[in-house]
Amino acid sequence: MSEGNEFGGWAIVELIGHRRLAGHVTEEVIAGAAFLRLDIPAEQGDGVTQFYSPSAVYCITPTTEEIAYAIGVRSTPAPVSRFELEPPRRAEPVEDDGADCLCTPGHTCEECRSVGVFP
């Protein structure tokens, strides 16, 4: 940890909502407001960086890099869950009525062809 009012170092961070994460913690100002920056390590790759409002933080426990790393790699949040994404839209096949396009049945659409949606 650094001296003075600035905080920085390895820590376990407990958030409102019973989330417990760990990593390297620093302070960062975004749009004029103070945020807690948490760099969460990952076993493979660069890990994840997340920013939290100080009001979302229940507890910060300074610890060693080794302990923060061990807890961090087990709790690395995914940036997006597959449950948050809409399922891919599938074009429904149209009857062979001479149409070139899948955007609406029976419609020939030069715009779809020009952007490569349909040959």
Protein backbone atom coordinates (compact mmCIF):
# COMPACT_ATOMS: atom_id res chain seq x y z
CA MET A 1 0.00 0.00 0.00
CA SER A 2 1.08 3.52 -0.61
CA GLU A 3 1.32 6.30 1.95
CA GLY A 4 -1.21 9.11 2.32
CA ASN A 5 -4.74 9.18 0.98
CA GLU A 6 -4.11 7.15 -2.15
CA PHE A 7 -4.79 3.45 -1.90
CA GLY A 8 -3.18 0.82 -4.05
CA GLY A 9 -2.19 -2.78 -3.61
CA TRP A 10 -3.33 -6.38 -3.53
CA ALA A 11 -6.61 -6.94 -1.72
CA ILE A 12 -9.72 -9.02 -1.28
CA VAL A 13 -12.75 -6.90 -2.16
CA GLU A 14 -16.21 -7.72 -0.84
CA LEU A 15 -19.09 -6.06 -2.63
CA ILE A 16 -22.69 -5.47 -1.67
CA GLY A 17 -24.59 -8.50 -2.97
CA HIS A 18 -22.24 -11.10 -1.51
CA ARG A 19 -19.60 -10.93 -4.24
CA ARG A 20 -16.03 -11.59 -3.19
CA LEU A 21 -13.25 -10.80 -5.65
CA ALA A 22 -9.52 -10.31 -5.33
CA GLY A 23 -6.78 -8.64 -7.30
CA HIS A 24 -4.77 -5.45 -7.54
CA VAL A 25 -6.74 -2.44 -6.31
CA THR A 26 -6.12 1.20 -7.23
CA GLU A 27 -8.14 4.39 -7.27
CA GLU A 28 -9.20 5.94 -10.55
CA VAL A 29 -11.22 9.01 -11.47
CA ILE A 30 -13.76 8.52 -14.26
CA ALA A 31 -15.87 11.48 -15.43
CA GLY A 32 -14.86 13.40 -12.32
CA ALA A 33 -15.95 10.66 -9.88
CA ALA A 34 -13.72 8.37 -7.84
CA PHE A 35 -13.89 4.65 -8.60
CA LEU A 36 -12.13 1.60 -7.27
CA ARG A 37 -10.24 -0.18 -10.06
CA LEU A 38 -9.87 -3.91 -9.54
CA ASP A 39 -7.52 -5.84 -11.82
CA ILE A 40 -8.52 -9.47 -11.31
CA PRO A 41 -5.90 -12.02 -12.41
CA ALA A 42 -6.65 -15.06 -14.55
CA GLU A 43 -4.76 -18.32 -14.93
CA GLN A 44 -4.61 -17.86 -18.69
CA GLY A 45 -4.44 -14.42 -20.26
CA ASP A 46 -4.61 -10.91 -18.95
CA GLY A 47 -7.47 -11.22 -16.50
CA VAL A 48 -10.30 -8.74 -16.12
CA THR A 49 -10.43 -5.10 -15.06
CA GLN A 50 -13.57 -3.81 -13.37
CA PHE A 51 -14.44 -0.43 -11.86
CA TYR A 52 -16.65 -0.10 -8.79
CA SER A 53 -18.27 2.84 -7.11
CA PRO A 54 -17.02 3.14 -3.51
CA SER A 55 -20.64 2.82 -2.32
CA ALA A 56 -20.76 -0.74 -3.76
CA VAL A 57 -17.83 -1.84 -1.61
CA TYR A 58 -18.57 -3.51 1.72
CA CYS A 59 -15.02 -4.39 2.72
CA ILE A 60 -11.43 -4.21 1.43
CA THR A 61 -8.87 -6.52 3.04
CA PRO A 62 -5.27 -5.81 2.05
CA THR A 63 -3.33 -9.01 1.47
CA THR A 64 -0.33 -10.43 -0.35
CA GLU A 65 -0.10 -10.85 -4.10
CA GLU A 66 -0.05 -14.64 -3.72
CA ILE A 67 -3.29 -14.75 -1.72
CA ALA A 68 -5.04 -12.22 -3.95
CA TYR A 69 -3.96 -14.17 -7.03
CA ALA A 70 -5.20 -17.49 -5.60
CA ILE A 71 -8.61 -16.04 -4.76
CA GLY A 72 -8.77 -13.91 -7.91
CA VAL A 73 -8.29 -16.74 -10.42
CA ARG A 74 -11.15 -18.68 -8.79
CA SER A 75 -13.52 -15.73 -8.90
CA THR A 76 -12.66 -14.12 -12.24
CA PRO A 77 -15.95 -12.79 -13.61
CA ALA A 78 -16.76 -13.26 -17.28
CA PRO A 79 -17.36 -9.95 -19.07
CA VAL A 80 -20.55 -11.32 -20.63
CA SER A 81 -22.58 -14.38 -19.79
CA ARG A 82 -24.18 -16.35 -22.60
CA PHE A 83 -27.49 -15.93 -20.79
CA GLU A 84 -27.29 -12.15 -21.32
CA LEU A 85 -27.09 -12.49 -25.09
CA GLU A 86 -30.04 -12.89 -27.40
CA PRO A 87 -30.07 -16.17 -29.29
CA PRO A 88 -28.83 -15.82 -32.86
CA ARG A 89 -31.57 -15.05 -35.31
CA ARG A 90 -31.99 -17.61 -38.02
CA ALA A 91 -33.50 -16.77 -41.35
CA GLU A 92 -36.49 -18.91 -42.05
CA PRO A 93 -36.39 -20.57 -45.44
CA VAL A 94 -38.80 -19.18 -47.98
CA GLU A 95 -40.57 -21.06 -50.68
CA ASP A 96 -38.79 -21.03 -54.00
CA ASP A 97 -40.82 -18.27 -55.60
CA GLY A 98 -37.88 -16.67 -57.39
CA ALA A 99 -37.01 -14.41 -54.46
CA ASP A 100 -33.32 -13.74 -53.77
CA CYS A 101 -33.75 -12.42 -50.26
CA LEU A 102 -34.41 -13.81 -46.81
CA CYS A 103 -35.49 -10.55 -45.15
CA THR A 104 -39.14 -10.98 -46.20
CA PRO A 105 -40.74 -13.84 -48.12
CA GLY A 106 -41.38 -13.08 -51.77
CA HIS A 107 -39.18 -9.98 -51.72
CA THR A 108 -36.10 -9.37 -53.87
CA CYS A 109 -33.78 -7.12 -51.93
CA GLU A 110 -30.76 -5.57 -53.64
CA GLU A 111 -29.63 -4.06 -50.33
CA CYS A 112 -29.26 -7.51 -48.72
CA ARG A 113 -27.28 -8.72 -51.74
CA SER A 114 -25.01 -5.61 -51.68
CA VAL A 115 -23.99 -6.14 -48.04
CA GLY A 116 -23.44 -9.87 -48.51
CA VAL A 117 -26.46 -11.17 -46.58
CA PHE A 118 -27.56 -13.20 -49.58
CA PRO A 119 -25.57 -13.99 -52.74
